[in-house]
C-alpha atoms as a PDB file:
ATOM      1  CA  UNK A   1     -11.461   9.030 -16.644  1.00  0.00           C
ATOM      2  CA  UNK A   2     -14.720  10.953 -16.219  1.00  0.00           C
ATOM      3  CA  UNK A   3     -14.630  10.293 -12.486  1.00  0.00           C
ATOM      4  CA  UNK A   4     -11.081  11.613 -12.204  1.00  0.00           C
ATOM      5  CA  UNK A   5     -11.898  14.742 -14.188  1.00  0.00           C
ATOM      6  CA  UNK A   6     -14.925  15.379 -12.016  1.00  0.00           C
ATOM      7  CA  UNK A   7     -12.838  14.894  -8.887  1.00  0.00           C
ATOM      8  CA  UNK A   8     -10.272  17.367 -10.171  1.00  0.00           C
ATOM      9  CA  UNK A   9     -12.853  20.089 -10.804  1.00  0.00           C
ATOM     10  CA  UNK A  10     -14.585  19.406  -7.494  1.00  0.00           C
ATOM     11  CA  UNK A  11     -11.286  19.709  -5.641  1.00  0.00           C
ATOM     12  CA  UNK A  12     -10.373  22.884  -7.527  1.00  0.00           C
ATOM     13  CA  UNK A  13     -13.671  24.432  -6.527  1.00  0.00           C
ATOM     14  CA  UNK A  14     -13.266  23.479  -2.880  1.00  0.00           C
ATOM     15  CA  UNK A  15      -9.757  24.918  -2.692  1.00  0.00           C
ATOM     16  CA  UNK A  16     -10.925  28.115  -4.430  1.00  0.00           C
ATOM     17  CA  UNK A  17     -13.717  28.665  -1.894  1.00  0.00           C
ATOM     18  CA  UNK A  18     -11.306  27.864   0.936  1.00  0.00           C
ATOM     19  CA  UNK A  19      -8.683  30.325  -0.351  1.00  0.00           C
ATOM     20  CA  UNK A  20     -11.257  33.156  -0.595  1.00  0.00           C
ATOM     21  CA  UNK A  21     -12.841  32.502   2.785  1.00  0.00           C
ATOM     22  CA  UNK A  22     -12.769  35.760   4.837  1.00  0.00           C
ATOM     23  CA  UNK A  23     -11.824  34.017   8.087  1.00  0.00           C
ATOM     24  CA  UNK A  24      -8.844  32.149   6.608  1.00  0.00           C
ATOM     25  CA  UNK A  25      -5.697  32.845   8.582  1.00  0.00           C
ATOM     26  CA  UNK A  26      -3.692  35.304   6.404  1.00  0.00           C
ATOM     27  CA  UNK A  27      -0.487  33.267   6.452  1.00  0.00           C
ATOM     28  CA  UNK A  28      -2.342  30.224   5.091  1.00  0.00           C
ATOM     29  CA  UNK A  29      -3.908  32.040   2.139  1.00  0.00           C
ATOM     30  CA  UNK A  30      -0.774  31.932  -0.086  1.00  0.00           C
ATOM     31  CA  UNK A  31      -0.493  28.177   0.509  1.00  0.00           C
ATOM     32  CA  UNK A  32      -4.127  27.704  -0.466  1.00  0.00           C
ATOM     33  CA  UNK A  33      -3.696  29.685  -3.670  1.00  0.00           C
ATOM     34  CA  UNK A  34      -0.508  27.744  -4.482  1.00  0.00           C
ATOM     35  CA  UNK A  35      -2.417  24.492  -4.049  1.00  0.00           C
ATOM     36  CA  UNK A  36      -5.119  25.785  -6.381  1.00  0.00           C
ATOM     37  CA  UNK A  37      -2.548  26.860  -8.963  1.00  0.00           C
ATOM     38  CA  UNK A  38      -0.847  23.466  -9.022  1.00  0.00           C
ATOM     39  CA  UNK A  39      -4.132  21.574  -9.350  1.00  0.00           C
ATOM     40  CA  UNK A  40      -5.687  23.889 -11.908  1.00  0.00           C
ATOM     41  CA  UNK A  41      -2.712  24.046 -14.262  1.00  0.00           C
ATOM     42  CA  UNK A  42      -1.496  20.486 -14.068  1.00  0.00           C
ATOM     43  CA  UNK A  43      -1.669  18.716 -17.424  1.00  0.00           C
ATOM     44  CA  UNK A  44      -1.819  15.026 -16.783  1.00  0.00           C
ATOM     45  CA  UNK A  45      -2.616  11.750 -18.477  1.00  0.00           C
ATOM     46  CA  UNK A  46      -5.157   9.162 -17.412  1.00  0.00           C
ATOM     47  CA  UNK A  47      -4.501   5.454 -17.659  1.00  0.00           C
ATOM     48  CA  UNK A  48      -6.798   3.652 -20.045  1.00  0.00           C
ATOM     49  CA  UNK A  49      -7.968   0.086 -19.655  1.00  0.00           C
ATOM     50  CA  UNK A  50      -5.828  -2.078 -21.934  1.00  0.00           C
ATOM     51  CA  UNK A  51      -6.411  -5.807 -22.176  1.00  0.00           C
ATOM     52  CA  UNK A  52      -3.749  -6.388 -24.818  1.00  0.00           C
ATOM     53  CA  UNK A  53      -0.892  -8.725 -24.099  1.00  0.00           C
ATOM     54  CA  UNK A  54       2.424  -6.847 -23.631  1.00  0.00           C
ATOM     55  CA  UNK A  55       4.343  -6.499 -26.864  1.00  0.00           C
ATOM     56  CA  UNK A  56       7.352  -8.771 -27.054  1.00  0.00           C
ATOM     57  CA  UNK A  57      10.824  -7.248 -27.193  1.00  0.00           C
ATOM     58  CA  UNK A  58      13.734  -9.058 -28.814  1.00  0.00           C
ATOM     59  CA  UNK A  59      16.037 -10.741 -26.322  1.00  0.00           C
ATOM     60  CA  UNK A  60      19.084  -9.123 -27.900  1.00  0.00           C
ATOM     61  CA  UNK A  61      17.710  -5.655 -27.077  1.00  0.00           C
ATOM     62  CA  UNK A  62      17.300  -6.659 -23.444  1.00  0.00           C
ATOM     63  CA  UNK A  63      20.807  -8.088 -23.338  1.00  0.00           C
ATOM     64  CA  UNK A  64      22.347  -4.992 -24.931  1.00  0.00           C
ATOM     65  CA  UNK A  65      20.689  -2.820 -22.320  1.00  0.00           C
ATOM     66  CA  UNK A  66      21.836  -5.153 -19.558  1.00  0.00           C
ATOM     67  CA  UNK A  67      25.369  -5.148 -20.962  1.00  0.00           C
ATOM     68  CA  UNK A  68      25.483  -1.357 -21.117  1.00  0.00           C
ATOM     69  CA  UNK A  69      24.356  -0.893 -17.528  1.00  0.00           C
ATOM     70  CA  UNK A  70      26.703  -3.661 -16.356  1.00  0.00           C
ATOM     71  CA  UNK A  71      29.640  -2.016 -18.110  1.00  0.00           C
ATOM     72  CA  UNK A  72      28.960   1.405 -16.633  1.00  0.00           C
ATOM     73  CA  UNK A  73      27.827   0.527 -13.120  1.00  0.00           C
ATOM     74  CA  UNK A  74      29.185  -2.981 -12.585  1.00  0.00           C
ATOM     75  CA  UNK A  75      32.629  -2.795 -14.171  1.00  0.00           C
ATOM     76  CA  UNK A  76      33.481   0.922 -14.272  1.00  0.00           C
ATOM     77  CA  UNK A  77      31.446   1.717 -11.173  1.00  0.00           C
ATOM     78  CA  UNK A  78      31.211   5.091  -9.467  1.00  0.00           C
ATOM     79  CA  UNK A  79      32.184   7.697 -12.048  1.00  0.00           C
ATOM     80  CA  UNK A  80      32.546  11.354 -11.205  1.00  0.00           C
ATOM     81  CA  UNK A  81      35.266  13.927 -10.609  1.00  0.00           C
ATOM     82  CA  UNK A  82      36.083  12.197  -7.314  1.00  0.00           C
ATOM     83  CA  UNK A  83      36.825   9.067  -9.388  1.00  0.00           C
ATOM     84  CA  UNK A  84      38.296  10.761 -12.477  1.00  0.00           C
ATOM     85  CA  UNK A  85      39.669   7.684 -14.212  1.00  0.00           C
ATOM     86  CA  UNK A  86      36.311   5.935 -13.980  1.00  0.00           C
ATOM     87  CA  UNK A  87      34.598   8.996 -15.443  1.00  0.00           C
ATOM     88  CA  UNK A  88      37.033   8.999 -18.352  1.00  0.00           C
ATOM     89  CA  UNK A  89      36.587   5.253 -18.785  1.00  0.00           C
ATOM     90  CA  UNK A  90      32.838   5.792 -19.088  1.00  0.00           C
ATOM     91  CA  UNK A  91      33.367   8.435 -21.784  1.00  0.00           C
ATOM     92  CA  UNK A  92      35.733   6.099 -23.642  1.00  0.00           C
ATOM     93  CA  UNK A  93      33.180   3.286 -23.482  1.00  0.00           C
ATOM     94  CA  UNK A  94      30.420   5.466 -24.940  1.00  0.00           C
ATOM     95  CA  UNK A  95      32.756   6.669 -27.677  1.00  0.00           C
ATOM     96  CA  UNK A  96      33.696   3.088 -28.624  1.00  0.00           C
ATOM     97  CA  UNK A  97      30.049   2.037 -28.842  1.00  0.00           C
ATOM     98  CA  UNK A  98      29.127   4.978 -31.042  1.00  0.00           C
ATOM     99  CA  UNK A  99      32.148   4.404 -33.269  1.00  0.00           C
ATOM    100  CA  UNK A 100      31.138   0.752 -33.673  1.00  0.00           C
ATOM    101  CA  UNK A 101      27.680   1.954 -34.756  1.00  0.00           C
ATOM    102  CA  UNK A 102      29.252   3.980 -37.559  1.00  0.00           C
ATOM    103  CA  UNK A 103      29.127   7.458 -36.038  1.00  0.00           C
ATOM    104  CA  UNK A 104      31.842  10.104 -35.960  1.00  0.00           C
ATOM    105  CA  UNK A 105      32.149  11.071 -32.301  1.00  0.00           C
ATOM    106  CA  UNK A 106      32.894  14.663 -31.356  1.00  0.00           C
ATOM    107  CA  UNK A 107      34.305  15.411 -27.907  1.00  0.00           C
ATOM    108  CA  UNK A 108      33.598  18.858 -26.505  1.00  0.00           C
ATOM    109  CA  UNK A 109      36.027  19.285 -23.641  1.00  0.00           C
ATOM    110  CA  UNK A 110      36.013  21.984 -20.998  1.00  0.00           C
ATOM    111  CA  UNK A 111      38.294  22.640 -18.057  1.00  0.00           C
ATOM    112  CA  UNK A 112      37.485  22.487 -14.371  1.00  0.00           C
ATOM    113  CA  UNK A 113      40.216  23.051 -11.787  1.00  0.00           C
ATOM    114  CA  UNK A 114      42.934  22.043 -14.230  1.00  0.00           C
ATOM    115  CA  UNK A 115      41.147  18.895 -15.436  1.00  0.00           C
ATOM    116  CA  UNK A 116      39.404  18.400 -18.785  1.00  0.00           C
ATOM    117  CA  UNK A 117      35.960  16.785 -19.015  1.00  0.00           C
ATOM    118  CA  UNK A 118      33.993  15.988 -22.129  1.00  0.00           C
ATOM    119  CA  UNK A 119      30.464  16.049 -23.475  1.00  0.00           C
ATOM    120  CA  UNK A 120      30.217  13.562 -26.351  1.00  0.00           C
ATOM    121  CA  UNK A 121      28.106  14.111 -29.465  1.00  0.00           C
ATOM    122  CA  UNK A 122      27.063  12.107 -32.525  1.00  0.00           C
ATOM    123  CA  UNK A 123      24.673  13.118 -35.285  1.00  0.00           C
ATOM    124  CA  UNK A 124      22.391  11.458 -37.802  1.00  0.00           C
ATOM    125  CA  UNK A 125      21.812  14.180 -40.390  1.00  0.00           C
ATOM    126  CA  UNK A 126      18.274  14.778 -41.613  1.00  0.00           C
ATOM    127  CA  UNK A 127      17.430  14.828 -45.310  1.00  0.00           C
ATOM    128  CA  UNK A 128      14.522  17.253 -45.594  1.00  0.00           C
ATOM    129  CA  UNK A 129      15.194  19.703 -42.748  1.00  0.00           C
ATOM    130  CA  UNK A 130      18.788  19.096 -41.665  1.00  0.00           C
ATOM    131  CA  UNK A 131      19.007  22.432 -39.861  1.00  0.00           C
ATOM    132  CA  UNK A 132      16.311  21.402 -37.371  1.00  0.00           C
ATOM    133  CA  UNK A 133      17.647  19.233 -34.557  1.00  0.00           C
ATOM    134  CA  UNK A 134      15.979  16.686 -32.290  1.00  0.00           C
ATOM    135  CA  UNK A 135      18.401  16.072 -29.435  1.00  0.00           C
ATOM    136  CA  UNK A 136      18.429  13.020 -27.149  1.00  0.00           C
ATOM    137  CA  UNK A 137      20.643  13.347 -24.097  1.00  0.00           C
ATOM    138  CA  UNK A 138      21.667  11.426 -20.985  1.00  0.00           C
ATOM    139  CA  UNK A 139      24.310  12.117 -18.353  1.00  0.00           C
ATOM    140  CA  UNK A 140      26.978   9.464 -17.862  1.00  0.00           C
ATOM    141  CA  UNK A 141      28.386  10.484 -14.480  1.00  0.00           C
ATOM    142  CA  UNK A 142      27.112   9.074 -11.186  1.00  0.00           C
ATOM    143  CA  UNK A 143      26.557  10.760  -7.860  1.00  0.00           C
ATOM    144  CA  UNK A 144      29.235  10.509  -5.172  1.00  0.00           C
ATOM    145  CA  UNK A 145      29.012   7.167  -3.346  1.00  0.00           C
ATOM    146  CA  UNK A 146      26.926   5.382  -5.989  1.00  0.00           C
ATOM    147  CA  UNK A 147      27.770   3.142  -8.969  1.00  0.00           C
ATOM    148  CA  UNK A 148      24.798   4.688 -10.784  1.00  0.00           C
ATOM    149  CA  UNK A 149      23.107   1.727 -12.476  1.00  0.00           C
ATOM    150  CA  UNK A 150      19.651   3.254 -12.764  1.00  0.00           C
ATOM    151  CA  UNK A 151      20.899   6.819 -12.287  1.00  0.00           C
ATOM    152  CA  UNK A 152      21.957   7.058 -14.969  1.00  0.00           C
ATOM    153  CA  UNK A 153      23.355   3.899 -16.517  1.00  0.00           C
ATOM    154  CA  UNK A 154      19.818   3.068 -17.638  1.00  0.00           C
ATOM    155  CA  UNK A 155      19.506   6.373 -19.497  1.00  0.00           C
ATOM    156  CA  UNK A 156      22.871   5.974 -21.219  1.00  0.00           C
ATOM    157  CA  UNK A 157      22.171   2.361 -22.218  1.00  0.00           C
ATOM    158  CA  UNK A 158      18.808   3.422 -23.658  1.00  0.00           C
ATOM    159  CA  UNK A 159      20.428   6.267 -25.587  1.00  0.00           C
ATOM    160  CA  UNK A 160      23.027   3.897 -27.052  1.00  0.00           C
ATOM    161  CA  UNK A 161      20.276   1.519 -28.146  1.00  0.00           C
ATOM    162  CA  UNK A 162      18.317   4.347 -29.770  1.00  0.00           C
ATOM    163  CA  UNK A 163      21.402   5.576 -31.624  1.00  0.00           C
ATOM    164  CA  UNK A 164      22.072   2.014 -32.847  1.00  0.00           C
ATOM    165  CA  UNK A 165      18.529   1.638 -34.167  1.00  0.00           C
ATOM    166  CA  UNK A 166      18.620   5.016 -35.936  1.00  0.00           C
ATOM    167  CA  UNK A 167      22.129   4.730 -37.371  1.00  0.00           C
ATOM    168  CA  UNK A 168      20.851   3.680 -40.792  1.00  0.00           C
ATOM    169  CA  UNK A 169      17.418   5.329 -40.757  1.00  0.00           C
ATOM    170  CA  UNK A 170      16.508   8.037 -43.257  1.00  0.00           C
ATOM    171  CA  UNK A 171      15.209  10.941 -41.179  1.00  0.00           C
ATOM    172  CA  UNK A 172      13.603  14.269 -42.010  1.00  0.00           C
ATOM    173  CA  UNK A 173      15.171  16.324 -39.222  1.00  0.00           C
ATOM    174  CA  UNK A 174      18.652  15.862 -37.834  1.00  0.00           C
ATOM    175  CA  UNK A 175      18.823  13.635 -34.747  1.00  0.00           C
ATOM    176  CA  UNK A 176      21.655  14.280 -32.338  1.00  0.00           C
ATOM    177  CA  UNK A 177      22.734  12.194 -29.345  1.00  0.00           C
ATOM    178  CA  UNK A 178      24.706  13.789 -26.525  1.00  0.00           C
ATOM    179  CA  UNK A 179      26.292  12.140 -23.474  1.00  0.00           C
ATOM    180  CA  UNK A 180      26.573  14.818 -20.807  1.00  0.00           C
ATOM    181  CA  UNK A 181      29.253  14.878 -18.127  1.00  0.00           C
ATOM    182  CA  UNK A 182      28.975  16.377 -14.621  1.00  0.00           C
ATOM    183  CA  UNK A 183      25.219  16.450 -14.123  1.00  0.00           C
ATOM    184  CA  UNK A 184      25.460  15.385 -10.476  1.00  0.00           C
ATOM    185  CA  UNK A 185      26.481  17.571  -7.502  1.00  0.00           C
ATOM    186  CA  UNK A 186      28.602  19.601  -6.969  1.00  0.00           C
ATOM    187  CA  UNK A 187      27.957  20.781 -10.535  1.00  0.00           C
ATOM    188  CA  UNK A 188      24.180  20.361 -10.663  1.00  0.00           C
ATOM    189  CA  UNK A 189      22.467  23.617 -11.693  1.00  0.00           C
ATOM    190  CA  UNK A 190      25.759  25.485 -11.954  1.00  0.00           C
ATOM    191  CA  UNK A 191      27.603  26.979 -14.911  1.00  0.00           C
ATOM    192  CA  UNK A 192      29.979  23.975 -14.778  1.00  0.00           C
ATOM    193  CA  UNK A 193      27.210  21.424 -15.325  1.00  0.00           C
ATOM    194  CA  UNK A 194      28.022  19.535 -18.522  1.00  0.00           C
ATOM    195  CA  UNK A 195      24.692  20.173 -20.233  1.00  0.00           C
ATOM    196  CA  UNK A 196      24.816  23.864 -19.287  1.00  0.00           C
ATOM    197  CA  UNK A 197      28.223  24.167 -20.933  1.00  0.00           C
ATOM    198  CA  UNK A 198      26.901  22.328 -23.987  1.00  0.00           C
ATOM    199  CA  UNK A 199      23.788  24.496 -24.378  1.00  0.00           C
ATOM    200  CA  UNK A 200      25.824  27.699 -24.246  1.00  0.00           C
ATOM    201  CA  UNK A 201      28.120  26.323 -26.948  1.00  0.00           C
ATOM    202  CA  UNK A 202      25.167  25.217 -29.090  1.00  0.00           C
ATOM    203  CA  UNK A 203      23.573  28.641 -28.807  1.00  0.00           C
ATOM    204  CA  UNK A 204      26.829  30.367 -29.742  1.00  0.00           C
ATOM    205  CA  UNK A 205      27.081  28.389 -32.979  1.00  0.00           C
ATOM    206  CA  UNK A 206      23.424  28.928 -33.807  1.00  0.00           C
ATOM    207  CA  UNK A 207      22.082  25.370 -33.429  1.00  0.00           C
ATOM    208  CA  UNK A 208      18.344  25.169 -34.076  1.00  0.00           C
ATOM    209  CA  UNK A 209      17.340  22.602 -31.439  1.00  0.00           C
ATOM    210  CA  UNK A 210      13.614  22.041 -31.884  1.00  0.00           C
ATOM    211  CA  UNK A 211      13.210  19.384 -29.187  1.00  0.00           C
ATOM    212  CA  UNK A 212      15.299  17.882 -26.414  1.00  0.00           C
ATOM    213  CA  UNK A 213      14.566  14.514 -24.777  1.00  0.00           C
ATOM    214  CA  UNK A 214      16.365  13.916 -21.491  1.00  0.00           C
ATOM    215  CA  UNK A 215      16.687  10.254 -20.481  1.00  0.00           C
ATOM    216  CA  UNK A 216      16.960  10.277 -16.694  1.00  0.00           C
ATOM    217  CA  UNK A 217      16.745   7.213 -14.419  1.00  0.00           C
ATOM    218  CA  UNK A 218      14.379   5.061 -16.502  1.00  0.00           C
ATOM    219  CA  UNK A 219      14.974   1.465 -15.384  1.00  0.00           C
ATOM    220  CA  UNK A 220      12.959   0.632 -12.242  1.00  0.00           C
ATOM    221  CA  UNK A 221       9.325  -0.559 -12.217  1.00  0.00           C
ATOM    222  CA  UNK A 222       7.009  -2.178  -9.691  1.00  0.00           C
ATOM    223  CA  UNK A 223       3.422  -3.431  -9.689  1.00  0.00           C
ATOM    224  CA  UNK A 224       3.247  -3.353  -5.885  1.00  0.00           C
ATOM    225  CA  UNK A 225       0.593  -1.080  -4.360  1.00  0.00           C
ATOM    226  CA  UNK A 226       2.010   2.128  -2.853  1.00  0.00           C
ATOM    227  CA  UNK A 227       5.289   1.659  -4.732  1.00  0.00           C
ATOM    228  CA  UNK A 228       4.868   5.085  -6.334  1.00  0.00           C
ATOM    229  CA  UNK A 229       5.098   8.389  -4.488  1.00  0.00           C
ATOM    230  CA  UNK A 230       4.774  12.019  -5.580  1.00  0.00           C
ATOM    231  CA  UNK A 231       5.229  15.636  -4.586  1.00  0.00           C
ATOM    232  CA  UNK A 232       2.269  17.019  -2.609  1.00  0.00           C
ATOM    233  CA  UNK A 233      -1.154  16.717  -4.261  1.00  0.00           C
ATOM    234  CA  UNK A 234      -0.005  14.761  -7.321  1.00  0.00           C
ATOM    235  CA  UNK A 235      -1.107  11.465  -5.779  1.00  0.00           C
ATOM    236  CA  UNK A 236      -4.719  12.585  -6.247  1.00  0.00           C
ATOM    237  CA  UNK A 237      -4.362  12.237 -10.021  1.00  0.00           C
ATOM    238  CA  UNK A 238      -1.756   9.546 -10.613  1.00  0.00           C
ATOM    239  CA  UNK A 239      -1.517   5.795  -9.869  1.00  0.00           C
ATOM    240  CA  UNK A 240       0.031   4.349  -6.719  1.00  0.00           C
ATOM    241  CA  UNK A 241       1.887   1.618  -8.623  1.00  0.00           C
ATOM    242  CA  UNK A 242       5.309   2.463 -10.018  1.00  0.00           C
ATOM    243  CA  UNK A 243       4.852   0.510 -13.236  1.00  0.00           C
ATOM    244  CA  UNK A 244       4.813   3.394 -15.750  1.00  0.00           C
ATOM    245  CA  UNK A 245       7.276   5.663 -17.509  1.00  0.00           C
ATOM    246  CA  UNK A 246       6.822   9.374 -16.882  1.00  0.00           C
ATOM    247  CA  UNK A 247       7.167  12.307 -19.278  1.00  0.00           C
ATOM    248  CA  UNK A 248       7.644  15.702 -17.654  1.00  0.00           C
ATOM    249  CA  UNK A 249       7.660  19.226 -19.095  1.00  0.00           C
ATOM    250  CA  UNK A 250       7.387  22.868 -18.194  1.00  0.00           C
ATOM    251  CA  UNK A 251       4.672  24.983 -19.789  1.00  0.00           C
ATOM    252  CA  UNK A 252       6.828  26.167 -22.686  1.00  0.00           C
ATOM    253  CA  UNK A 253       7.430  22.524 -23.633  1.00  0.00           C
ATOM    254  CA  UNK A 254       3.825  21.401 -23.320  1.00  0.00           C
ATOM    255  CA  UNK A 255       3.276  20.907 -27.063  1.00  0.00           C
ATOM    256  CA  UNK A 256       6.389  18.729 -27.260  1.00  0.00           C
ATOM    257  CA  UNK A 257       5.163  16.642 -24.332  1.00  0.00           C
ATOM    258  CA  UNK A 258       1.792  16.082 -26.012  1.00  0.00           C
ATOM    259  CA  UNK A 259       3.402  14.977 -29.288  1.00  0.00           C
ATOM    260  CA  UNK A 260       5.829  12.661 -27.504  1.00  0.00           C
ATOM    261  CA  UNK A 261       3.128  11.089 -25.352  1.00  0.00           C
ATOM    262  CA  UNK A 262       0.834  10.542 -28.323  1.00  0.00           C
ATOM    263  CA  UNK A 263       3.606   8.882 -30.335  1.00  0.00           C
ATOM    264  CA  UNK A 264       4.582   6.668 -27.398  1.00  0.00           C
ATOM    265  CA  UNK A 265       1.007   5.513 -26.807  1.00  0.00           C
ATOM    266  CA  UNK A 266       0.382   4.890 -30.496  1.00  0.00           C
ATOM    267  CA  UNK A 267       3.345   2.544 -30.735  1.00  0.00           C
ATOM    268  CA  UNK A 268       3.696   0.961 -27.288  1.00  0.00           C
ATOM    269  CA  UNK A 269       1.423  -0.723 -24.779  1.00  0.00           C
ATOM    270  CA  UNK A 270       3.749   0.192 -21.907  1.00  0.00           C
ATOM    271  CA  UNK A 271       2.004   2.450 -19.345  1.00  0.00           C
ATOM    272  CA  UNK A 272       2.924   6.132 -19.638  1.00  0.00           C
ATOM    273  CA  UNK A 273       1.916   9.118 -17.527  1.00  0.00           C
ATOM    274  CA  UNK A 274       2.696  12.746 -18.274  1.00  0.00           C
ATOM    275  CA  UNK A 275       2.634  16.101 -16.525  1.00  0.00           C
ATOM    276  CA  UNK A 276       3.182  19.716 -17.452  1.00  0.00           C
ATOM    277  CA  UNK A 277       3.815  21.746 -14.346  1.00  0.00           C
ATOM    278  CA  UNK A 278       6.050  24.255 -12.586  1.00  0.00           C
ATOM    279  CA  UNK A 279       9.807  23.911 -12.377  1.00  0.00           C
ATOM    280  CA  UNK A 280       9.760  24.578  -8.643  1.00  0.00           C
ATOM    281  CA  UNK A 281       7.916  21.306  -7.951  1.00  0.00           C
ATOM    282  CA  UNK A 282      10.588  19.059  -6.381  1.00  0.00           C
ATOM    283  CA  UNK A 283      12.139  16.756  -8.973  1.00  0.00           C
ATOM    284  CA  UNK A 284      10.598  18.353 -12.059  1.00  0.00           C
ATOM    285  CA  UNK A 285      13.802  20.086 -13.205  1.00  0.00           C
ATOM    286  CA  UNK A 286      16.336  17.718 -11.674  1.00  0.00           C
ATOM    287  CA  UNK A 287      18.294  16.745 -14.766  1.00  0.00           C
ATOM    288  CA  UNK A 288      19.859  18.056 -17.959  1.00  0.00           C
ATOM    289  CA  UNK A 289      16.598  19.293 -19.470  1.00  0.00           C
ATOM    290  CA  UNK A 290      16.901  22.146 -16.939  1.00  0.00           C
ATOM    291  CA  UNK A 291      19.806  23.550 -18.952  1.00  0.00           C
ATOM    292  CA  UNK A 292      17.651  23.614 -22.086  1.00  0.00           C
ATOM    293  CA  UNK A 293      14.724  25.192 -20.244  1.00  0.00           C
ATOM    294  CA  UNK A 294      17.108  27.945 -19.159  1.00  0.00           C
ATOM    295  CA  UNK A 295      17.795  28.590 -22.854  1.00  0.00           C
ATOM    296  CA  UNK A 296      14.067  28.492 -23.785  1.00  0.00           C
ATOM    297  CA  UNK A 297      14.515  25.283 -25.769  1.00  0.00           C
ATOM    298  CA  UNK A 298      11.518  22.892 -25.637  1.00  0.00           C
ATOM    299  CA  UNK A 299      12.630  19.924 -23.538  1.00  0.00           C
ATOM    300  CA  UNK A 300      11.050  16.982 -21.751  1.00  0.00           C
ATOM    301  CA  UNK A 301      12.359  14.547 -19.168  1.00  0.00           C
ATOM    302  CA  UNK A 302      11.706  10.836 -19.570  1.00  0.00           C
ATOM    303  CA  UNK A 303      11.950   9.199 -16.143  1.00  0.00           C
ATOM    304  CA  UNK A 304      10.769   6.430 -13.850  1.00  0.00           C
ATOM    305  CA  UNK A 305      10.403   9.300 -11.300  1.00  0.00           C
ATOM    306  CA  UNK A 306      13.693   8.433  -9.540  1.00  0.00           C
ATOM    307  CA  UNK A 307      13.457   9.279  -5.813  1.00  0.00           C
ATOM    308  CA  UNK A 308       9.659   9.020  -5.869  1.00  0.00           C
ATOM    309  CA  UNK A 309       9.891   5.329  -6.706  1.00  0.00           C
ATOM    310  CA  UNK A 310      13.404   3.964  -6.668  1.00  0.00           C
ATOM    311  CA  UNK A 311      14.488   2.966  -3.128  1.00  0.00           C
ATOM    312  CA  UNK A 312      18.185   2.911  -4.078  1.00  0.00           C
ATOM    313  CA  UNK A 313      18.290   6.408  -5.580  1.00  0.00           C
ATOM    314  CA  UNK A 314      21.664   8.080  -4.932  1.00  0.00           C
ATOM    315  CA  UNK A 315      22.917   5.204  -2.764  1.00  0.00           C
ATOM    316  CA  UNK A 316      25.582   2.510  -2.981  1.00  0.00           C
ATOM    317  CA  UNK A 317      22.718   0.085  -3.652  1.00  0.00           C
ATOM    318  CA  UNK A 318      22.060   1.467  -7.142  1.00  0.00           C
ATOM    319  CA  UNK A 319      23.569  -1.621  -8.784  1.00  0.00           C
ATOM    320  CA  UNK A 320      22.906  -3.338 -12.142  1.00  0.00           C
ATOM    321  CA  UNK A 321      20.660  -6.126 -10.822  1.00  0.00           C
ATOM    322  CA  UNK A 322      18.137  -3.515  -9.569  1.00  0.00           C
ATOM    323  CA  UNK A 323      17.256  -2.458 -13.113  1.00  0.00           C
ATOM    324  CA  UNK A 324      14.233  -4.137 -14.742  1.00  0.00           C
ATOM    325  CA  UNK A 325      15.630  -4.833 -18.210  1.00  0.00           C
ATOM    326  CA  UNK A 326      12.536  -6.261 -19.972  1.00  0.00           C
ATOM    327  CA  UNK A 327      10.510  -3.201 -18.946  1.00  0.00           C
ATOM    328  CA  UNK A 328      13.377  -0.886 -19.893  1.00  0.00           C
ATOM    329  CA  UNK A 329      13.474  -2.510 -23.332  1.00  0.00           C
ATOM    330  CA  UNK A 330       9.768  -1.872 -23.824  1.00  0.00           C
ATOM    331  CA  UNK A 331      10.289   1.771 -22.872  1.00  0.00           C
ATOM    332  CA  UNK A 332      13.086   2.045 -25.437  1.00  0.00           C
ATOM    333  CA  UNK A 333      10.770   0.687 -28.145  1.00  0.00           C
ATOM    334  CA  UNK A 334       8.259   3.407 -27.302  1.00  0.00           C
ATOM    335  CA  UNK A 335      10.951   6.085 -27.280  1.00  0.00           C
ATOM    336  CA  UNK A 336      12.191   4.947 -30.669  1.00  0.00           C
ATOM    337  CA  UNK A 337       8.734   5.696 -32.054  1.00  0.00           C
ATOM    338  CA  UNK A 338       8.785   9.097 -30.333  1.00  0.00           C
ATOM    339  CA  UNK A 339      12.103  10.084 -31.906  1.00  0.00           C
ATOM    340  CA  UNK A 340      10.947   8.944 -35.347  1.00  0.00           C
ATOM    341  CA  UNK A 341       7.730  10.943 -34.981  1.00  0.00           C
ATOM    342  CA  UNK A 342       9.576  14.093 -33.921  1.00  0.00           C
ATOM    343  CA  UNK A 343      12.241  13.777 -36.602  1.00  0.00           C
ATOM    344  CA  UNK A 344       9.991  12.598 -39.398  1.00  0.00           C
ATOM    345  CA  UNK A 345      11.149  10.155 -42.001  1.00  0.00           C
ATOM    346  CA  UNK A 346      13.383  11.117 -44.899  1.00  0.00           C
END
């Protein structure tokens, strides 16, 4: 850790001297300052040596996760507005699971080109501060041409497992689960994006969302060297093995990221890395947390880093057998502790 910190400060100093050098070609100076800004402001986590044996996860948790991904990506398959019945089947499946867990499911429908699409919501009301909401969300559509096992069947399956585990818990704050529709193109980062529609509605009714956790592509892990890739410069501070879960925030959400990371590490031995950085870094705002950032709501993305690790990202090869279910189950156990820490117990 000390070595990495020293390397960071050494590199920052070198880039600073380079950026101020009088002979630097003028067109290169902005790039040098941008490099400095990214390095100097990046909040990141260092891996610590851990000789503990991995914590065991119940087989039934693994099988529930496997069953959820199989249902969405193996049986329903590609689900988007180009396959409208499959998209509706996915919504119906999520609604049935939540109903079986004892929740009252609310459908928030909105119209696009004469068709209605729905965000789905369930709530576990808090006892001490019910007006303060911790929201866990995942999109249930898949990109065109892909069955979407990891992206984002893994996120939905994890959300359904978290809602099951919290269905009977006494909580301080209200915990809300939302399945978002239409995250993928052509709706991504538009006013028709499901989470964007939802956030506007939540603001209009005065919801006090204190934290949002976005579960995005969280099921693929590898211990192979060079299995993990990054945007420029990040590889100087993060491991080259894709065996960790990532937590990502913008600067406004930095305090939330720190609390979530601390709770995860205190309750799980699964590797976790975190970063607070700029939204313009490729991939940092590529999911539903973007909609909450737009509304100045603290939000973090939980991810296996998607395209920076997963070779089947946004392809027809994103099928259920590619997901690493034992690792996904361990991530869910850590996230359960995070949600409990953020919500507080009743």
